Amino acid sequence: RYVAECMPKYVQKVQLTSGDELEVLIAPEGVVPVLQFLKDHHQAQFSNLVDIAGMDVPSRKYRFEVIYNILSLRYNARIRVKTYTDELTPLDSCFEVYKAANWYEREIYDMYGVFFANHPDLRRILTDYGFEGHPQRRDFPLSGYVELRYDDEKKRVVCEPLELAQEFRKFDLSAPWEQFPNFRKALPASEQVDTEKKKE
């Protein structure tokens, strides 16, 4: 609550999670000021950036959530700072606050396509050169777009368009038992007796 009182312009929500860890939801433009405050304030001293994680929820207006996990060794406390963005709006890089953010932000960019403004070297870190798309997005196909394999004749790895044995199937999981009407209702007792007699 102290963070929200000190920075009401950026902090939108403060809550405790089930493990008694503090979670702070901030506006996208508040990434650098809030993290700088939490790092430098003498009552906080969250000097370690443990990780930066991403999440994609396509049904939301701002589909990407970026989560900063920070640690205070001085007070043995952790805070999860969350913010949000869409495909086109960049977030400010927190590299100047935490040098460890360099590769974490590159990973988020590579996997989700979230841009970080003022990052010193924003390029892919996990996928190969020329990779198309961002594999952790919900709309990215599970099989990808291309197939990589080793070719014995050429003695190298070749990249080919993906050939599927069957088309992608779209499953409607909202009511899975509607596909099996026989299992929805139990048989009446009279029919159960008849089936047992037929077996004998």
Foldseek 3Di string as FASTA:
>chain_A
DVLCVVCVVWWDDWDADPVRAIETETELACPQVSLLCQCPPPVHNQQAFPAKDWAADPVDPQGIKIWTWTAHPVVGGIYIYIYTHHQPDAGAQNCVRPVVSLVRVLDCCQQPVHHHPPRPDNDHDPDDPPADDHNNYPPADPVHQWDWDQDPVVRGIDIGGDDDPDDDDDDDPPPVCVVPVVPPDDDPPVVVVVVVVVVD
